[in-house]
Amino acid sequence: MCDTNNDNDLINQNECDAELQAMELDGQTEIDGNFSKHIGCGSKFNRRLADFVLTTDEDKLLYLKQYNCNPPPLFILTISLAELVVFIYYGVKAEYKQWITISSGLAKSPLIYDPWKREEVWRFVSYMFLHAGIEHIMGNVVLQLMVGIMLEMVHKSLRVSIVYMSGVLAGSLSSSIFDPFVFLVGASGGVYALLGGYLSNVIMNWSKLAFNGLHLLLILAIAIVDIGFSLYRRIAVMDDDTPQVSLAAHFAGGLAGITIGYVVFSNFNKSLISDTKIMEFVG
């Protein structure tokens, strides 16, 4: 049996490899002499997911032993659904039923980050539910579903929500400093925080992570395309009725993800309270 506290790395590695391989046989896993069925929870998919996200065989084995589909990745699904509902509401409410670029009514929304209403502190977070158009909402929702569900299935809702919301808050705070007169909409800060946390995990565990080059290529491709599109909208699209793109919010969200995500995502098998990295980060 794989001992996650074994000091003999070579024996530990071999035992973990053998036990992980056993988990792929007909959906059955022998753990401590007991067989555990993973029917309905996608054991082979989870095995691939563990290879893709986690870095050590001990963590992979612990994840596969513990995962039971309960709870499902509800945080990212709930946030995405809420953003879609708000977008549809303002799309229907907008003059001429504008869906491609929703401008009418956003500036007056109680959810938007308004630089002249900073005393209404909820706006520093609630702006994430608003989106300026169909390409904006679809880009954010698709990205956060792709990256967020994968991370949430492994690290659970609390850790993912901490990273995501830190990016949202960092986005509005940085925008209030570096783009002090720009209205802010969109969940890009949270999305970039997920990407940043994912990136920090890849870089810090480069030699241990399976498909490390694919990880890095995927993150860079997403970031380059999105930043390029954001630059185009900020520079080329000059519409007084449409909220400008805040590049500061994007970069701050990514930085929050790299720093907080490294702390939160790095130790899969430790609670947030007992994790020494959390204490060092807070201290």
Protein backbone atom coordinates (compact mmCIF):
# COMPACT_ATOMS: atom_id res chain seq x y z
CA MET A 1 0.00 0.00 0.00
CA CYS A 2 1.22 3.51 -0.84
CA ASP A 3 2.24 5.34 2.34
CA THR A 4 2.02 9.09 1.90
CA ASN A 5 4.26 9.58 4.95
CA ASN A 6 6.92 7.09 3.94
CA ASP A 7 10.45 8.49 4.12
CA ASN A 8 11.81 6.07 1.52
CA ASP A 9 11.02 7.96 -1.70
CA LEU A 10 11.91 5.12 -4.07
CA ILE A 11 9.76 2.51 -2.33
CA ASN A 12 7.01 5.06 -1.90
CA GLN A 13 7.12 5.93 -5.61
CA ASN A 14 6.97 2.28 -6.69
CA GLU A 15 4.12 1.46 -4.34
CA CYS A 16 2.15 4.50 -5.49
CA ASP A 17 2.72 3.63 -9.14
CA ALA A 18 1.49 0.08 -8.59
CA GLU A 19 -1.59 1.19 -6.71
CA LEU A 20 -2.41 3.88 -9.26
CA GLN A 21 -2.16 1.34 -12.06
CA ALA A 22 -4.54 -0.97 -10.20
CA MET A 23 -7.12 1.79 -10.20
CA GLU A 24 -7.46 1.58 -13.96
CA LEU A 25 -8.58 -2.06 -14.01
CA ASP A 26 -12.26 -2.38 -14.90
CA GLY A 27 -13.28 0.56 -12.76
CA GLN A 28 -12.31 -1.29 -9.60
CA THR A 29 -9.77 -0.17 -7.04
CA GLU A 30 -8.27 -2.21 -4.23
CA ILE A 31 -7.59 0.08 -1.32
CA ASP A 32 -6.48 -1.36 2.03
CA GLY A 33 -7.92 -4.74 1.05
CA ASN A 34 -11.34 -3.34 0.14
CA PHE A 35 -12.76 -2.90 -3.33
CA SER A 36 -14.34 0.43 -4.10
CA LYS A 37 -16.52 0.97 -7.16
CA HIS A 38 -16.23 4.26 -9.04
CA ILE A 39 -19.15 3.69 -11.38
CA GLY A 40 -20.83 7.00 -12.18
CA CYS A 41 -17.88 9.05 -11.00
CA GLY A 42 -15.72 8.49 -14.06
CA SER A 43 -12.71 6.76 -12.46
CA LYS A 44 -10.68 6.74 -15.68
CA PHE A 45 -11.48 10.39 -16.30
CA ASN A 46 -10.48 11.23 -12.72
CA ARG A 47 -7.22 9.33 -13.20
CA ARG A 48 -6.43 11.50 -16.24
CA LEU A 49 -7.54 14.61 -14.35
CA ALA A 50 -5.25 13.77 -11.44
CA ASP A 51 -2.35 13.38 -13.88
CA PHE A 52 -3.19 16.73 -15.43
CA VAL A 53 -3.60 18.79 -12.24
CA LEU A 54 -1.71 17.14 -9.38
CA THR A 55 2.07 16.73 -9.21
CA THR A 56 2.88 13.85 -6.84
CA ASP A 57 1.68 10.26 -6.90
CA GLU A 58 0.77 10.56 -3.22
CA ASP A 59 -1.63 13.40 -3.96
CA LYS A 60 -3.03 11.61 -7.02
CA LEU A 61 -3.70 8.47 -5.02
CA LEU A 62 -5.27 10.40 -2.17
CA TYR A 63 -7.53 12.25 -4.62
CA LEU A 64 -8.65 9.03 -6.31
CA LYS A 65 -9.36 7.41 -2.96
CA GLN A 66 -11.39 10.33 -1.65
CA TYR A 67 -13.29 11.51 -4.74
CA ASN A 68 -16.94 10.43 -4.69
CA CYS A 69 -18.74 13.05 -6.82
CA ASN A 70 -19.98 14.72 -3.66
CA PRO A 71 -19.98 17.65 -3.69
CA PRO A 72 -19.93 18.35 -7.44
CA PRO A 73 -18.12 21.48 -8.73
CA LEU A 74 -20.99 23.78 -7.80
CA PHE A 75 -19.14 27.08 -7.35
CA ILE A 76 -18.05 27.61 -10.96
CA LEU A 77 -21.37 26.27 -12.28
CA THR A 78 -23.34 28.61 -9.99
CA ILE A 79 -21.23 31.67 -10.82
CA SER A 80 -21.47 30.95 -14.55
CA LEU A 81 -25.23 30.49 -14.39
CA ALA A 82 -25.65 33.72 -12.42
CA GLU A 83 -23.57 35.64 -14.96
CA LEU A 84 -25.64 34.24 -17.83
CA VAL A 85 -28.92 35.13 -16.10
CA VAL A 86 -27.78 38.71 -15.49
CA PHE A 87 -26.57 39.00 -19.08
CA ILE A 88 -29.92 37.78 -20.44
CA TYR A 89 -31.76 40.19 -18.15
CA TYR A 90 -29.84 43.21 -19.44
CA GLY A 91 -29.98 41.89 -23.00
CA VAL A 92 -33.77 41.80 -22.86
CA LYS A 93 -33.94 45.10 -21.02
CA ALA A 94 -31.58 46.91 -23.43
CA GLU A 95 -33.00 49.19 -26.07
CA TYR A 96 -33.48 47.39 -29.42
CA LYS A 97 -32.66 44.08 -27.68
CA GLN A 98 -28.92 44.54 -28.19
CA TRP A 99 -27.06 41.25 -27.70
CA ILE A 100 -23.79 41.74 -29.54
CA THR A 101 -22.80 44.81 -27.51
CA ILE A 102 -24.99 45.68 -24.56
CA SER A 103 -24.43 49.32 -23.68
CA SER A 104 -27.81 50.68 -22.75
CA GLY A 105 -28.44 50.52 -19.03
CA LEU A 106 -25.11 49.07 -17.90
CA ALA A 107 -23.71 52.37 -16.65
CA LYS A 108 -26.82 52.82 -14.48
CA SER A 109 -26.78 49.29 -13.11
CA PRO A 110 -26.35 48.95 -9.34
CA LEU A 111 -23.91 46.09 -10.06
CA ILE A 112 -21.36 47.94 -12.21
CA TYR A 113 -18.13 49.22 -10.71
CA ASP A 114 -18.63 52.98 -10.86
CA PRO A 115 -15.49 55.02 -10.05
CA TRP A 116 -17.71 57.85 -8.76
CA LYS A 117 -19.56 55.57 -6.36
CA ARG A 118 -16.70 53.83 -4.57
CA GLU A 119 -18.50 54.18 -1.25
CA GLU A 120 -20.94 51.51 -2.49
CA VAL A 121 -18.48 48.76 -1.66
CA TRP A 122 -20.46 45.87 -3.14
CA ARG A 123 -19.62 47.22 -6.59
CA PHE A 124 -15.99 46.10 -6.11
CA VAL A 125 -17.32 42.52 -6.45
CA SER A 126 -20.75 42.69 -8.11
CA TYR A 127 -19.36 44.05 -11.39
CA MET A 128 -18.33 40.49 -12.27
CA PHE A 129 -21.97 39.62 -13.05
CA LEU A 130 -22.21 42.24 -15.84
CA HIS A 131 -20.83 41.75 -19.36
CA ALA A 132 -20.63 44.16 -22.25
CA GLY A 133 -21.61 41.78 -25.05
CA ILE A 134 -22.06 38.24 -26.26
CA GLU A 135 -18.35 37.73 -27.01
CA HIS A 136 -17.50 39.03 -23.52
CA ILE A 137 -19.86 36.73 -21.62
CA MET A 138 -19.12 33.68 -23.75
CA GLY A 139 -15.36 34.14 -23.51
CA ASN A 140 -15.40 34.41 -19.73
CA VAL A 141 -17.93 31.64 -19.11
CA VAL A 142 -16.26 29.15 -21.46
CA LEU A 143 -12.82 29.80 -19.96
CA GLN A 144 -13.93 29.57 -16.35
CA LEU A 145 -15.85 26.38 -17.06
CA MET A 146 -12.85 24.83 -18.83
CA VAL A 147 -10.33 25.71 -16.15
CA GLY A 148 -12.53 26.15 -13.07
CA ILE A 149 -14.39 22.83 -13.16
CA MET A 150 -11.13 20.94 -13.62
CA LEU A 151 -9.57 22.72 -10.64
CA GLU A 152 -12.72 22.47 -8.51
CA MET A 153 -13.06 18.72 -9.05
CA VAL A 154 -9.60 18.33 -7.52
CA HIS A 155 -9.27 21.20 -5.04
CA LYS A 156 -12.97 21.60 -4.15
CA SER A 157 -15.14 24.70 -4.03
CA LEU A 158 -13.59 26.58 -1.10
CA ARG A 159 -10.09 26.80 -2.57
CA VAL A 160 -11.32 27.66 -6.06
CA SER A 161 -13.73 30.31 -4.72
CA ILE A 162 -10.91 31.95 -2.73
CA VAL A 163 -8.71 32.23 -5.82
CA TYR A 164 -11.55 33.34 -8.10
CA MET A 165 -12.91 36.02 -5.77
CA SER A 166 -9.41 37.29 -4.97
CA GLY A 167 -8.99 37.94 -8.71
CA VAL A 168 -12.32 39.75 -8.92
CA LEU A 169 -11.46 41.97 -5.96
CA ALA A 170 -7.89 42.58 -7.14
CA GLY A 171 -9.27 43.59 -10.54
CA SER A 172 -11.55 46.30 -9.19
CA LEU A 173 -9.00 47.58 -6.66
CA SER A 174 -6.26 47.85 -9.28
CA SER A 175 -8.63 49.48 -11.74
CA SER A 176 -9.59 52.07 -9.13
CA ILE A 177 -5.88 52.99 -8.85
CA PHE A 178 -4.51 52.63 -12.38
CA ASP A 179 -7.73 53.25 -14.35
CA PRO A 180 -9.49 55.58 -11.91
CA PHE A 181 -12.14 56.86 -14.33
CA VAL A 182 -13.08 53.60 -16.01
CA PHE A 183 -16.34 51.77 -15.36
CA LEU A 184 -15.76 48.07 -14.85
CA VAL A 185 -17.80 45.03 -15.96
CA GLY A 186 -17.00 41.36 -16.47
CA ALA A 187 -15.53 38.39 -14.62
CA SER A 188 -12.14 38.56 -16.33
CA GLY A 189 -10.36 39.22 -13.02
CA GLY A 190 -11.67 35.94 -11.63
CA VAL A 191 -10.93 34.04 -14.84
CA TYR A 192 -7.37 35.36 -14.95
CA ALA A 193 -6.95 34.42 -11.29
CA LEU A 194 -7.83 30.81 -12.14
CA LEU A 195 -5.36 30.89 -15.03
CA GLY A 196 -2.73 32.50 -12.80
CA GLY A 197 -3.18 29.87 -10.08
CA TYR A 198 -2.99 27.17 -12.71
CA LEU A 199 0.17 28.75 -14.17
CA SER A 200 1.92 29.00 -10.80
CA ASN A 201 1.24 25.32 -10.17
CA VAL A 202 2.74 24.44 -13.57
CA ILE A 203 5.88 26.52 -13.07
CA MET A 204 6.59 25.51 -9.47
CA ASN A 205 6.10 21.80 -10.25
CA TRP A 206 7.47 21.74 -13.80
CA SER A 207 9.58 18.61 -13.38
CA LYS A 208 6.82 16.68 -11.61
CA LEU A 209 3.82 17.59 -13.74
CA ALA A 210 2.66 15.40 -16.59
CA PHE A 211 2.19 17.17 -19.95
CA ASN A 212 3.93 20.28 -18.55
CA GLY A 213 4.58 21.73 -22.01
CA LEU A 214 0.92 21.32 -22.95
CA HIS A 215 -0.14 23.08 -19.76
CA LEU A 216 2.11 26.06 -20.46
CA LEU A 217 1.15 26.27 -24.12
CA LEU A 218 -2.55 26.21 -23.29
CA ILE A 219 -2.28 28.97 -20.69
CA LEU A 220 -0.11 31.20 -22.89
CA ALA A 221 -2.39 30.73 -25.91
CA ILE A 222 -5.48 31.70 -23.91
CA ALA A 223 -3.74 34.71 -22.33
CA ILE A 224 -2.27 36.01 -25.61
CA VAL A 225 -5.58 35.78 -27.49
CA ASP A 226 -7.56 37.40 -24.69
CA ILE A 227 -5.05 40.19 -24.03
CA GLY A 228 -4.88 40.89 -27.76
CA PHE A 229 -8.65 41.15 -27.96
CA SER A 230 -8.69 43.38 -24.86
CA LEU A 231 -6.07 45.70 -26.38
CA TYR A 232 -8.11 45.92 -29.56
CA ARG A 233 -11.25 46.86 -27.64
CA ARG A 234 -9.38 49.36 -25.45
CA ILE A 235 -7.56 51.10 -28.31
CA ALA A 236 -9.64 50.60 -31.47
CA VAL A 237 -13.21 50.56 -30.14
CA MET A 238 -13.98 54.06 -28.94
CA ASP A 239 -17.62 54.06 -27.91
CA ASP A 240 -18.68 56.38 -25.11
CA ASP A 241 -21.69 54.19 -24.30
CA THR A 242 -19.70 50.96 -23.89
CA PRO A 243 -17.53 50.38 -20.79
CA GLN A 244 -13.82 50.44 -21.63
CA VAL A 245 -11.67 47.37 -21.10
CA SER A 246 -9.48 47.72 -18.01
CA LEU A 247 -6.17 46.03 -18.69
CA ALA A 248 -5.18 46.70 -15.09
CA ALA A 249 -8.03 44.47 -13.90
CA HIS A 250 -6.87 41.63 -16.15
CA PHE A 251 -3.26 41.80 -15.01
CA ALA A 252 -4.16 42.22 -11.34
CA GLY A 253 -6.48 39.22 -11.50
CA GLY A 254 -3.71 37.13 -13.00
CA LEU A 255 -1.21 38.31 -10.38
CA ALA A 256 -3.67 37.51 -7.58
CA GLY A 257 -4.08 34.03 -9.03
CA ILE A 258 -0.33 33.45 -9.31
CA THR A 259 0.31 34.46 -5.69
CA ILE A 260 -2.81 33.26 -3.85
CA GLY A 261 -3.28 30.32 -6.20
CA TYR A 262 0.23 29.10 -5.46
CA VAL A 263 -0.53 29.11 -1.75
CA VAL A 264 -4.02 27.61 -2.03
CA PHE A 265 -3.46 25.01 -4.77
CA SER A 266 0.04 23.78 -3.86
CA ASN A 267 -0.84 21.45 -0.97
CA PHE A 268 -3.73 19.25 -2.00
CA ASN A 269 -3.66 16.98 1.06
CA LYS A 270 -3.55 19.73 3.72
CA SER A 271 -6.37 21.80 5.09
CA LEU A 272 -6.17 25.55 4.56
CA ILE A 273 -5.96 26.14 8.31
CA SER A 274 -3.06 23.75 8.92
CA ASP A 275 -1.14 24.64 5.76
CA THR A 276 2.07 26.45 6.77
CA LYS A 277 2.12 28.34 3.45
CA ILE A 278 -1.18 29.97 4.36
CA MET A 279 0.22 31.09 7.70
CA GLU A 280 3.39 32.41 6.07
CA PHE A 281 1.38 34.25 3.41
CA VAL A 282 -0.94 35.85 5.96
CA GLY A 283 1.93 36.61 8.34
